[in-house]
Amino acid sequence: AAPMNGGMRAVILAVVGLVFVGLAPVAGGGSPAGAAPTRVHLIQGVPDASVDVAVGGRTAIGDLGVRGTYDLSALGSRLPAVTVTRAGTDEVLLAAGDVQLPAGENVTVVLHLKLDGSVGLASFANDVSALAAGESRLIVRHLAAAPPVDVLSAGKAVFENLANGGEVKADLPPGTVSASL
């Protein structure tokens, strides 16, 4: 994971093929005067697809492959007329319309498969609050086209019945966490 805010560390486990993402501050804009900038991180979690993402009718991201990430911070907290198509085609995978994100927040937006197999867009406010000295934060997000799961560590359930689109987190001592579903 990447260092954050004076050494704080965080790891996100998004269950879209077990993708680990470290969060780091990025430059952004588009927030009201005096407010902290909105930070928007996009993760492409649709298996077997490269996508083009249009915002306001203009291509903002082209040919983003699975597990690809993109910083949308420069677009601010309002993303008008978001459309996701299969890269290089007119095949619409998702027409999300206007997406409003909380201004001044650090947000992760994930393209993923919902339980029914359709493409969804999930948005999560990233917890970047201070940690106690010597702790790390583990965040697990279930974004696979799968029913609820239990997250195991050392063979023992640490998070149970996590539904598609759900999130759980824990502040833990630093170290290696061995996880399975």
N, C-alpha and C. Protein backbone atom coordinates (compact mmCIF):
# COMPACT_ATOMS: atom_id res chain seq x y z
N ALA A 1 0.84 -1.18 0.00
CA ALA A 1 0.00 0.00 0.00
C ALA A 1 0.87 1.23 0.00
N ALA A 2 0.33 2.31 -0.49
CA ALA A 2 1.08 3.56 -0.59
C ALA A 2 0.92 4.40 0.67
N PRO A 3 1.96 5.13 1.08
CA PRO A 3 1.84 6.01 2.24
C PRO A 3 0.78 7.07 1.99
N MET A 4 0.08 7.44 3.04
CA MET A 4 -0.95 8.46 2.94
C MET A 4 -0.85 9.39 4.13
N ASN A 5 -1.21 10.63 3.96
CA ASN A 5 -1.38 11.61 5.03
C ASN A 5 -0.45 11.36 6.21
N GLY A 6 0.80 11.71 6.05
CA GLY A 6 1.74 11.61 7.15
C GLY A 6 2.06 10.20 7.55
N GLY A 7 2.09 9.28 6.64
CA GLY A 7 2.50 7.92 6.94
C GLY A 7 1.36 6.94 7.15
N MET A 8 0.11 7.40 7.18
CA MET A 8 -1.00 6.49 7.32
C MET A 8 -1.01 5.55 6.12
N ARG A 9 -1.34 4.30 6.33
CA ARG A 9 -1.35 3.33 5.24
C ARG A 9 -2.74 2.70 5.17
N ALA A 10 -3.18 2.41 3.94
CA ALA A 10 -4.48 1.78 3.74
C ALA A 10 -4.38 0.84 2.56
N VAL A 11 -5.12 -0.23 2.62
CA VAL A 11 -5.20 -1.17 1.52
C VAL A 11 -6.68 -1.46 1.28
N ILE A 12 -7.07 -1.50 0.01
CA ILE A 12 -8.43 -1.87 -0.34
C ILE A 12 -8.37 -3.20 -1.08
N LEU A 13 -9.17 -4.15 -0.66
CA LEU A 13 -9.29 -5.43 -1.35
C LEU A 13 -10.65 -5.40 -2.02
N ALA A 14 -10.67 -5.21 -3.33
CA ALA A 14 -11.92 -5.22 -4.08
C ALA A 14 -12.05 -6.61 -4.69
N VAL A 15 -13.14 -7.28 -4.38
CA VAL A 15 -13.31 -8.65 -4.83
C VAL A 15 -13.79 -8.65 -6.28
N VAL A 16 -12.92 -8.20 -7.17
CA VAL A 16 -13.13 -8.28 -8.61
C VAL A 16 -11.89 -8.97 -9.15
N GLY A 17 -11.69 -10.19 -8.71
CA GLY A 17 -10.47 -10.90 -9.03
C GLY A 17 -9.40 -10.58 -7.99
N LEU A 18 -9.80 -10.22 -6.78
CA LEU A 18 -8.89 -9.90 -5.69
C LEU A 18 -7.87 -8.85 -6.09
N VAL A 19 -8.35 -7.67 -6.39
CA VAL A 19 -7.50 -6.56 -6.77
C VAL A 19 -7.14 -5.77 -5.52
N PHE A 20 -5.85 -5.59 -5.24
CA PHE A 20 -5.40 -4.76 -4.13
C PHE A 20 -5.05 -3.39 -4.68
N VAL A 21 -5.55 -2.35 -4.04
CA VAL A 21 -5.28 -0.99 -4.49
C VAL A 21 -4.83 -0.17 -3.30
N GLY A 22 -3.68 0.47 -3.40
CA GLY A 22 -3.23 1.41 -2.37
C GLY A 22 -3.73 2.79 -2.74
N LEU A 23 -4.21 3.52 -1.78
CA LEU A 23 -4.70 4.86 -2.04
C LEU A 23 -3.59 5.86 -1.79
N ALA A 24 -3.51 6.87 -2.62
CA ALA A 24 -2.56 7.94 -2.41
C ALA A 24 -3.21 9.26 -2.80
N PRO A 25 -2.86 10.33 -2.12
CA PRO A 25 -3.44 11.62 -2.48
C PRO A 25 -3.08 11.99 -3.91
N VAL A 26 -4.03 12.62 -4.60
CA VAL A 26 -3.79 13.07 -5.97
C VAL A 26 -4.31 14.49 -6.10
N ALA A 27 -3.80 15.21 -7.08
CA ALA A 27 -4.30 16.57 -7.33
C ALA A 27 -5.65 16.48 -7.97
N GLY A 28 -6.53 17.42 -7.68
CA GLY A 28 -7.86 17.41 -8.29
C GLY A 28 -8.44 18.79 -8.29
N GLY A 29 -9.64 18.88 -8.83
CA GLY A 29 -10.29 20.18 -8.89
C GLY A 29 -11.77 20.01 -8.98
N GLY A 30 -12.43 21.12 -9.22
CA GLY A 30 -13.86 21.08 -9.44
C GLY A 30 -14.69 21.13 -8.19
N SER A 31 -14.09 21.42 -7.02
CA SER A 31 -14.90 21.51 -5.82
C SER A 31 -15.16 22.97 -5.50
N PRO A 32 -16.15 23.26 -4.66
CA PRO A 32 -16.47 24.64 -4.34
C PRO A 32 -15.26 25.35 -3.72
N ALA A 33 -15.23 26.67 -3.88
CA ALA A 33 -14.13 27.46 -3.33
C ALA A 33 -14.00 27.20 -1.84
N GLY A 34 -12.78 27.01 -1.38
CA GLY A 34 -12.52 26.76 0.04
C GLY A 34 -12.64 25.31 0.45
N ALA A 35 -13.27 24.47 -0.35
CA ALA A 35 -13.41 23.06 0.00
C ALA A 35 -12.21 22.28 -0.52
N ALA A 36 -11.91 21.18 0.15
CA ALA A 36 -10.84 20.32 -0.33
C ALA A 36 -11.26 19.76 -1.69
N PRO A 37 -10.29 19.51 -2.58
CA PRO A 37 -10.67 18.98 -3.90
C PRO A 37 -11.24 17.56 -3.79
N THR A 38 -12.13 17.24 -4.70
CA THR A 38 -12.67 15.89 -4.78
C THR A 38 -11.61 15.02 -5.44
N ARG A 39 -11.35 13.86 -4.87
CA ARG A 39 -10.40 12.92 -5.44
C ARG A 39 -11.19 11.70 -5.89
N VAL A 40 -11.12 11.39 -7.18
CA VAL A 40 -11.91 10.31 -7.74
C VAL A 40 -10.99 9.32 -8.44
N HIS A 41 -11.02 8.08 -7.98
CA HIS A 41 -10.21 7.01 -8.55
C HIS A 41 -11.16 6.01 -9.18
N LEU A 42 -10.98 5.71 -10.47
CA LEU A 42 -11.82 4.74 -11.17
C LEU A 42 -11.04 3.44 -11.31
N ILE A 43 -11.70 2.33 -11.00
CA ILE A 43 -11.13 0.99 -11.21
C ILE A 43 -12.03 0.26 -12.18
N GLN A 44 -11.45 -0.32 -13.22
CA GLN A 44 -12.22 -1.08 -14.20
C GLN A 44 -12.17 -2.55 -13.79
N GLY A 45 -13.29 -3.08 -13.33
CA GLY A 45 -13.36 -4.45 -12.84
C GLY A 45 -14.27 -5.35 -13.66
N VAL A 46 -14.58 -4.99 -14.90
CA VAL A 46 -15.41 -5.84 -15.75
C VAL A 46 -14.49 -6.83 -16.45
N PRO A 47 -14.62 -8.13 -16.13
CA PRO A 47 -13.71 -9.13 -16.71
C PRO A 47 -13.84 -9.20 -18.23
N ASP A 48 -12.73 -9.55 -18.86
CA ASP A 48 -12.70 -9.79 -20.31
C ASP A 48 -13.21 -8.61 -21.13
N ALA A 49 -12.95 -7.39 -20.66
CA ALA A 49 -13.41 -6.22 -21.41
C ALA A 49 -12.43 -5.07 -21.25
N SER A 50 -12.22 -4.38 -22.34
CA SER A 50 -11.61 -3.05 -22.31
C SER A 50 -12.73 -2.09 -22.61
N VAL A 51 -12.75 -0.95 -21.92
CA VAL A 51 -13.87 -0.04 -22.05
C VAL A 51 -13.42 1.37 -22.40
N ASP A 52 -14.33 2.11 -23.00
CA ASP A 52 -14.19 3.54 -23.19
C ASP A 52 -15.21 4.18 -22.26
N VAL A 53 -14.81 5.24 -21.57
CA VAL A 53 -15.72 5.94 -20.66
C VAL A 53 -15.90 7.36 -21.19
N ALA A 54 -17.16 7.70 -21.46
CA ALA A 54 -17.49 9.06 -21.92
C ALA A 54 -18.15 9.81 -20.78
N VAL A 55 -17.77 11.06 -20.62
CA VAL A 55 -18.37 11.94 -19.62
C VAL A 55 -18.82 13.19 -20.37
N GLY A 56 -20.11 13.49 -20.27
CA GLY A 56 -20.65 14.64 -20.98
C GLY A 56 -20.55 14.52 -22.48
N GLY A 57 -20.63 13.29 -23.01
CA GLY A 57 -20.59 13.06 -24.44
C GLY A 57 -19.20 13.03 -25.05
N ARG A 58 -18.16 13.25 -24.24
CA ARG A 58 -16.79 13.24 -24.74
C ARG A 58 -16.03 12.10 -24.07
N THR A 59 -15.20 11.40 -24.83
CA THR A 59 -14.41 10.30 -24.28
C THR A 59 -13.42 10.85 -23.27
N ALA A 60 -13.56 10.39 -22.03
CA ALA A 60 -12.65 10.80 -20.96
C ALA A 60 -11.53 9.77 -20.81
N ILE A 61 -11.86 8.50 -21.07
CA ILE A 61 -10.89 7.41 -20.93
C ILE A 61 -11.11 6.47 -22.10
N GLY A 62 -10.05 6.10 -22.78
CA GLY A 62 -10.15 5.16 -23.89
C GLY A 62 -9.39 3.88 -23.60
N ASP A 63 -10.00 2.77 -23.96
CA ASP A 63 -9.37 1.45 -23.90
C ASP A 63 -8.80 1.11 -22.52
N LEU A 64 -9.62 1.24 -21.49
CA LEU A 64 -9.22 0.91 -20.13
C LEU A 64 -9.49 -0.57 -19.88
N GLY A 65 -8.44 -1.34 -19.68
CA GLY A 65 -8.57 -2.78 -19.48
C GLY A 65 -8.94 -3.15 -18.05
N VAL A 66 -9.31 -4.42 -17.87
CA VAL A 66 -9.68 -4.92 -16.54
C VAL A 66 -8.50 -4.71 -15.59
N ARG A 67 -8.83 -4.32 -14.38
CA ARG A 67 -7.89 -3.96 -13.32
C ARG A 67 -7.17 -2.65 -13.59
N GLY A 68 -7.53 -1.98 -14.69
CA GLY A 68 -6.95 -0.67 -14.97
C GLY A 68 -7.53 0.36 -14.02
N THR A 69 -6.73 1.37 -13.71
CA THR A 69 -7.18 2.45 -12.86
C THR A 69 -6.99 3.77 -13.58
N TYR A 70 -7.77 4.75 -13.17
CA TYR A 70 -7.68 6.05 -13.82
C TYR A 70 -8.06 7.12 -12.81
N ASP A 71 -7.35 8.21 -12.81
CA ASP A 71 -7.63 9.33 -11.92
C ASP A 71 -8.60 10.29 -12.62
N LEU A 72 -9.81 10.40 -12.10
CA LEU A 72 -10.82 11.30 -12.65
C LEU A 72 -10.93 12.59 -11.84
N SER A 73 -9.98 12.85 -10.96
CA SER A 73 -10.08 13.99 -10.05
C SER A 73 -10.24 15.32 -10.76
N ALA A 74 -9.61 15.48 -11.89
CA ALA A 74 -9.68 16.75 -12.61
C ALA A 74 -11.11 17.08 -13.06
N LEU A 75 -11.98 16.06 -13.11
CA LEU A 75 -13.36 16.29 -13.55
C LEU A 75 -14.25 16.80 -12.42
N GLY A 76 -13.77 16.73 -11.17
CA GLY A 76 -14.54 17.24 -10.04
C GLY A 76 -15.57 16.27 -9.53
N SER A 77 -16.56 16.79 -8.79
CA SER A 77 -17.53 15.92 -8.13
C SER A 77 -18.78 15.65 -8.96
N ARG A 78 -18.94 16.32 -10.10
CA ARG A 78 -20.11 16.06 -10.96
C ARG A 78 -19.61 15.50 -12.28
N LEU A 79 -20.05 14.30 -12.58
CA LEU A 79 -19.70 13.64 -13.84
C LEU A 79 -20.98 13.55 -14.67
N PRO A 80 -21.18 14.45 -15.64
CA PRO A 80 -22.42 14.46 -16.41
C PRO A 80 -22.46 13.37 -17.47
N ALA A 81 -23.61 12.74 -17.61
CA ALA A 81 -23.89 11.78 -18.70
C ALA A 81 -22.77 10.76 -18.87
N VAL A 82 -22.53 9.95 -17.83
CA VAL A 82 -21.49 8.92 -17.90
C VAL A 82 -22.00 7.73 -18.71
N THR A 83 -21.23 7.35 -19.73
CA THR A 83 -21.56 6.20 -20.57
C THR A 83 -20.30 5.34 -20.71
N VAL A 84 -20.47 4.04 -20.55
CA VAL A 84 -19.36 3.09 -20.70
C VAL A 84 -19.69 2.18 -21.87
N THR A 85 -18.77 2.13 -22.84
CA THR A 85 -18.95 1.25 -24.00
C THR A 85 -17.76 0.29 -24.08
N ARG A 86 -17.99 -0.84 -24.75
CA ARG A 86 -16.87 -1.74 -25.04
C ARG A 86 -15.91 -0.96 -25.93
N ALA A 87 -14.62 -1.01 -25.62
CA ALA A 87 -13.61 -0.19 -26.30
C ALA A 87 -13.71 -0.33 -27.81
N GLY A 88 -13.72 0.82 -28.49
CA GLY A 88 -13.71 0.86 -29.94
C GLY A 88 -15.02 0.48 -30.60
N THR A 89 -16.11 0.34 -29.82
CA THR A 89 -17.41 -0.02 -30.39
C THR A 89 -18.48 0.92 -29.87
N ASP A 90 -19.69 0.74 -30.36
CA ASP A 90 -20.84 1.49 -29.86
C ASP A 90 -21.66 0.66 -28.87
N GLU A 91 -21.15 -0.52 -28.47
CA GLU A 91 -21.87 -1.40 -27.55
C GLU A 91 -21.88 -0.79 -26.15
N VAL A 92 -23.03 -0.30 -25.72
CA VAL A 92 -23.16 0.34 -24.42
C VAL A 92 -23.24 -0.74 -23.34
N LEU A 93 -22.30 -0.67 -22.40
CA LEU A 93 -22.31 -1.58 -21.25
C LEU A 93 -23.03 -0.95 -20.07
N LEU A 94 -22.97 0.38 -19.99
CA LEU A 94 -23.59 1.09 -18.88
C LEU A 94 -23.85 2.53 -19.29
N ALA A 95 -25.09 2.97 -19.11
CA ALA A 95 -25.44 4.38 -19.31
C ALA A 95 -25.89 4.88 -17.95
N ALA A 96 -24.96 5.48 -17.20
CA ALA A 96 -25.22 5.85 -15.81
C ALA A 96 -25.88 7.20 -15.65
N GLY A 97 -25.95 8.00 -16.71
CA GLY A 97 -26.50 9.34 -16.57
C GLY A 97 -25.55 10.21 -15.77
N ASP A 98 -26.09 11.21 -15.08
CA ASP A 98 -25.26 12.09 -14.27
C ASP A 98 -24.86 11.38 -12.99
N VAL A 99 -23.60 11.50 -12.62
CA VAL A 99 -23.09 10.91 -11.38
C VAL A 99 -22.61 12.07 -10.51
N GLN A 100 -23.21 12.21 -9.34
CA GLN A 100 -22.82 13.26 -8.41
C GLN A 100 -22.07 12.60 -7.25
N LEU A 101 -20.85 13.04 -7.02
CA LEU A 101 -20.03 12.53 -5.94
C LEU A 101 -19.91 13.60 -4.86
N PRO A 102 -19.70 13.18 -3.60
CA PRO A 102 -19.60 14.19 -2.55
C PRO A 102 -18.38 15.10 -2.76
N ALA A 103 -18.59 16.40 -2.77
CA ALA A 103 -17.49 17.35 -2.95
C ALA A 103 -16.52 17.25 -1.79
N GLY A 104 -15.24 17.35 -2.10
CA GLY A 104 -14.22 17.34 -1.08
C GLY A 104 -13.91 15.97 -0.52
N GLU A 105 -14.44 14.92 -1.11
CA GLU A 105 -14.22 13.56 -0.62
C GLU A 105 -13.16 12.86 -1.46
N ASN A 106 -12.64 11.77 -0.94
CA ASN A 106 -11.75 10.86 -1.64
C ASN A 106 -12.61 9.64 -1.97
N VAL A 107 -12.88 9.44 -3.25
CA VAL A 107 -13.87 8.45 -3.68
C VAL A 107 -13.24 7.46 -4.65
N THR A 108 -13.63 6.20 -4.52
CA THR A 108 -13.29 5.19 -5.52
C THR A 108 -14.58 4.78 -6.21
N VAL A 109 -14.54 4.82 -7.54
CA VAL A 109 -15.67 4.40 -8.36
C VAL A 109 -15.21 3.15 -9.10
N VAL A 110 -16.02 2.09 -9.07
CA VAL A 110 -15.62 0.81 -9.66
C VAL A 110 -16.67 0.35 -10.67
N LEU A 111 -16.21 0.09 -11.90
CA LEU A 111 -17.05 -0.61 -12.88
C LEU A 111 -16.93 -2.09 -12.55
N HIS A 112 -18.05 -2.78 -12.42
CA HIS A 112 -18.01 -4.19 -12.01
C HIS A 112 -19.24 -4.92 -12.52
N LEU A 113 -19.22 -6.23 -12.35
CA LEU A 113 -20.40 -7.03 -12.68
C LEU A 113 -21.25 -7.19 -11.43
N LYS A 114 -22.53 -6.89 -11.57
CA LYS A 114 -23.48 -7.10 -10.48
C LYS A 114 -23.83 -8.59 -10.42
N LEU A 115 -24.54 -8.97 -9.39
CA LEU A 115 -24.90 -10.37 -9.18
C LEU A 115 -25.62 -10.96 -10.39
N ASP A 116 -26.44 -10.16 -11.09
CA ASP A 116 -27.18 -10.66 -12.26
C ASP A 116 -26.34 -10.68 -13.54
N GLY A 117 -25.06 -10.27 -13.43
CA GLY A 117 -24.16 -10.29 -14.58
C GLY A 117 -24.14 -9.00 -15.39
N SER A 118 -25.01 -8.05 -15.05
CA SER A 118 -24.99 -6.76 -15.75
C SER A 118 -23.87 -5.88 -15.19
N VAL A 119 -23.49 -4.88 -15.96
CA VAL A 119 -22.42 -3.98 -15.53
C VAL A 119 -23.00 -2.94 -14.57
N GLY A 120 -22.30 -2.72 -13.47
CA GLY A 120 -22.72 -1.73 -12.49
C GLY A 120 -21.61 -0.73 -12.22
N LEU A 121 -21.97 0.32 -11.55
CA LEU A 121 -21.03 1.36 -11.16
C LEU A 121 -21.23 1.57 -9.67
N ALA A 122 -20.21 1.22 -8.88
CA ALA A 122 -20.29 1.39 -7.43
C ALA A 122 -19.37 2.52 -7.01
N SER A 123 -19.80 3.28 -6.03
CA SER A 123 -19.02 4.41 -5.53
C SER A 123 -18.83 4.24 -4.03
N PHE A 124 -17.59 4.44 -3.58
CA PHE A 124 -17.27 4.31 -2.17
C PHE A 124 -16.48 5.52 -1.71
N ALA A 125 -16.86 6.10 -0.59
CA ALA A 125 -16.05 7.14 0.04
C ALA A 125 -14.92 6.42 0.77
N ASN A 126 -13.68 6.78 0.42
CA ASN A 126 -12.53 6.14 1.04
C ASN A 126 -12.28 6.74 2.42
N ASP A 127 -12.15 5.87 3.40
CA ASP A 127 -11.86 6.31 4.76
C ASP A 127 -10.38 6.63 4.86
N VAL A 128 -10.05 7.91 4.85
CA VAL A 128 -8.66 8.34 4.95
C VAL A 128 -8.43 9.06 6.28
N SER A 129 -9.29 8.72 7.26
CA SER A 129 -9.13 9.31 8.59
C SER A 129 -7.84 8.79 9.23
N ALA A 130 -7.37 9.53 10.20
CA ALA A 130 -6.12 9.17 10.88
C ALA A 130 -6.27 7.82 11.60
N LEU A 131 -5.16 7.12 11.63
CA LEU A 131 -5.10 5.85 12.33
C LEU A 131 -4.29 6.01 13.60
N ALA A 132 -4.53 5.14 14.57
CA ALA A 132 -3.69 5.13 15.76
C ALA A 132 -2.27 4.73 15.37
N ALA A 133 -1.31 5.18 16.12
CA ALA A 133 0.09 4.85 15.83
C ALA A 133 0.26 3.34 15.74
N GLY A 134 0.95 2.90 14.69
CA GLY A 134 1.24 1.47 14.54
C GLY A 134 0.11 0.65 13.94
N GLU A 135 -0.94 1.29 13.42
CA GLU A 135 -2.04 0.54 12.82
C GLU A 135 -2.11 0.78 11.32
N SER A 136 -2.77 -0.15 10.62
CA SER A 136 -3.07 -0.06 9.20
C SER A 136 -4.56 -0.29 9.02
N ARG A 137 -5.08 0.06 7.86
CA ARG A 137 -6.52 -0.12 7.60
C ARG A 137 -6.68 -1.09 6.45
N LEU A 138 -7.53 -2.11 6.64
CA LEU A 138 -7.88 -3.07 5.59
C LEU A 138 -9.33 -2.82 5.22
N ILE A 139 -9.57 -2.61 3.92
CA ILE A 139 -10.93 -2.41 3.42
C ILE A 139 -11.20 -3.50 2.39
N VAL A 140 -12.32 -4.20 2.56
CA VAL A 140 -12.70 -5.27 1.64
C VAL A 140 -14.02 -4.87 1.00
N ARG A 141 -14.04 -4.86 -0.35
CA ARG A 141 -15.25 -4.52 -1.10
C ARG A 141 -15.60 -5.69 -2.02
N HIS A 142 -16.83 -6.15 -1.93
CA HIS A 142 -17.28 -7.28 -2.75
C HIS A 142 -17.95 -6.73 -4.00
N LEU A 143 -17.25 -6.89 -5.14
CA LEU A 143 -17.76 -6.38 -6.40
C LEU A 143 -17.68 -7.43 -7.49
N ALA A 144 -17.79 -8.68 -7.11
CA ALA A 144 -17.79 -9.77 -8.08
C ALA A 144 -19.24 -10.20 -8.34
N ALA A 145 -19.49 -10.79 -9.50
CA ALA A 145 -20.82 -11.31 -9.81
C ALA A 145 -20.97 -12.62 -9.05
N ALA A 146 -21.14 -12.50 -7.76
CA ALA A 146 -21.20 -13.67 -6.88
C ALA A 146 -22.12 -13.37 -5.70
N PRO A 147 -22.68 -14.41 -5.11
CA PRO A 147 -23.54 -14.20 -3.93
C PRO A 147 -22.68 -13.74 -2.74
N PRO A 148 -23.32 -13.46 -1.60
CA PRO A 148 -22.56 -13.04 -0.41
C PRO A 148 -21.44 -14.01 -0.09
N VAL A 149 -20.34 -13.45 0.43
CA VAL A 149 -19.15 -14.25 0.75
C VAL A 149 -18.73 -14.02 2.19
N ASP A 150 -18.00 -14.98 2.72
CA ASP A 150 -17.30 -14.82 3.99
C ASP A 150 -15.84 -14.59 3.65
N VAL A 151 -15.21 -13.66 4.35
CA VAL A 151 -13.79 -13.40 4.17
C VAL A 151 -13.07 -14.08 5.32
N LEU A 152 -12.13 -14.95 4.95
CA LEU A 152 -11.41 -15.74 5.94
C LEU A 152 -9.98 -15.28 6.07
N SER A 153 -9.45 -15.37 7.26
CA SER A 153 -8.03 -15.16 7.51
C SER A 153 -7.58 -16.29 8.41
N ALA A 154 -6.54 -16.97 7.99
CA ALA A 154 -6.04 -18.14 8.74
C ALA A 154 -7.16 -19.15 8.96
N GLY A 155 -8.04 -19.30 7.97
CA GLY A 155 -9.12 -20.28 8.03
C GLY A 155 -10.30 -19.88 8.89
N LYS A 156 -10.29 -18.70 9.46
CA LYS A 156 -11.36 -18.25 10.35
C LYS A 156 -12.08 -17.06 9.71
N ALA A 157 -13.42 -17.07 9.77
CA ALA A 157 -14.21 -15.98 9.20
C ALA A 157 -13.97 -14.70 10.00
N VAL A 158 -13.49 -13.65 9.31
CA VAL A 158 -13.29 -12.36 9.96
C VAL A 158 -14.38 -11.37 9.54
N PHE A 159 -14.94 -11.55 8.35
CA PHE A 159 -16.09 -10.79 7.88
C PHE A 159 -17.04 -11.81 7.29
N GLU A 160 -18.31 -11.78 7.68
CA GLU A 160 -19.27 -12.78 7.22
C GLU A 160 -20.38 -12.14 6.38
N ASN A 161 -20.85 -12.93 5.41
CA ASN A 161 -22.03 -12.58 4.62
C ASN A 161 -21.92 -11.21 3.94
N LEU A 162 -20.75 -10.92 3.36
CA LEU A 162 -20.54 -9.66 2.65
C LEU A 162 -21.21 -9.75 1.29
N ALA A 163 -22.21 -8.91 1.06
CA ALA A 163 -23.01 -8.96 -0.16
C ALA A 163 -22.34 -8.18 -1.29
N ASN A 164 -22.71 -8.51 -2.53
CA ASN A 164 -22.23 -7.79 -3.71
C ASN A 164 -22.56 -6.31 -3.52
N GLY A 165 -21.54 -5.47 -3.72
CA GLY A 165 -21.69 -4.03 -3.54
C GLY A 165 -21.38 -3.58 -2.12
N GLY A 166 -21.11 -4.53 -1.23
CA GLY A 166 -20.87 -4.19 0.17
C GLY A 166 -19.41 -3.92 0.47
N GLU A 167 -19.18 -3.37 1.64
CA GLU A 167 -17.84 -3.00 2.09
C GLU A 167 -17.73 -3.26 3.58
N VAL A 168 -16.59 -3.77 4.02
CA VAL A 168 -16.26 -3.90 5.44
C VAL A 168 -14.83 -3.42 5.62
N LYS A 169 -14.51 -3.01 6.84
CA LYS A 169 -13.14 -2.55 7.09
C LYS A 169 -12.76 -2.81 8.53
N ALA A 170 -11.46 -2.81 8.75
CA ALA A 170 -10.92 -2.98 10.09
C ALA A 170 -9.57 -2.29 10.16
N ASP A 171 -9.28 -1.71 11.31
CA ASP A 171 -7.96 -1.16 11.58
C ASP A 171 -7.19 -2.25 12.31
N LEU A 172 -6.02 -2.58 11.78
CA LEU A 172 -5.25 -3.72 12.24
C LEU A 172 -3.79 -3.32 12.46
N PRO A 173 -3.07 -4.13 13.25
CA PRO A 173 -1.63 -3.90 13.32
C PRO A 173 -1.01 -4.18 11.95
N PRO A 174 0.09 -3.50 11.60
CA PRO A 174 0.71 -3.75 10.31
C PRO A 174 1.18 -5.20 10.21
N GLY A 175 1.22 -5.70 9.01
CA GLY A 175 1.69 -7.06 8.77
C GLY A 175 1.02 -7.62 7.54
N THR A 176 1.26 -8.88 7.31
CA THR A 176 0.70 -9.57 6.16
C THR A 176 -0.60 -10.22 6.57
N VAL A 177 -1.64 -9.98 5.77
CA VAL A 177 -2.95 -10.61 6.01
C VAL A 177 -3.17 -11.60 4.89
N SER A 178 -3.39 -12.86 5.24
CA SER A 178 -3.69 -13.89 4.28
C SER A 178 -5.20 -14.05 4.24
N ALA A 179 -5.79 -13.72 3.09
CA ALA A 179 -7.24 -13.74 3.01
C ALA A 179 -7.72 -14.71 1.94
N SER A 180 -8.90 -15.29 2.16
CA SER A 180 -9.55 -16.14 1.17
C SER A 180 -11.04 -15.93 1.31
N LEU A 181 -11.78 -16.39 0.30
CA LEU A 181 -13.24 -16.22 0.30
C LEU A 181 -13.89 -17.57 0.37
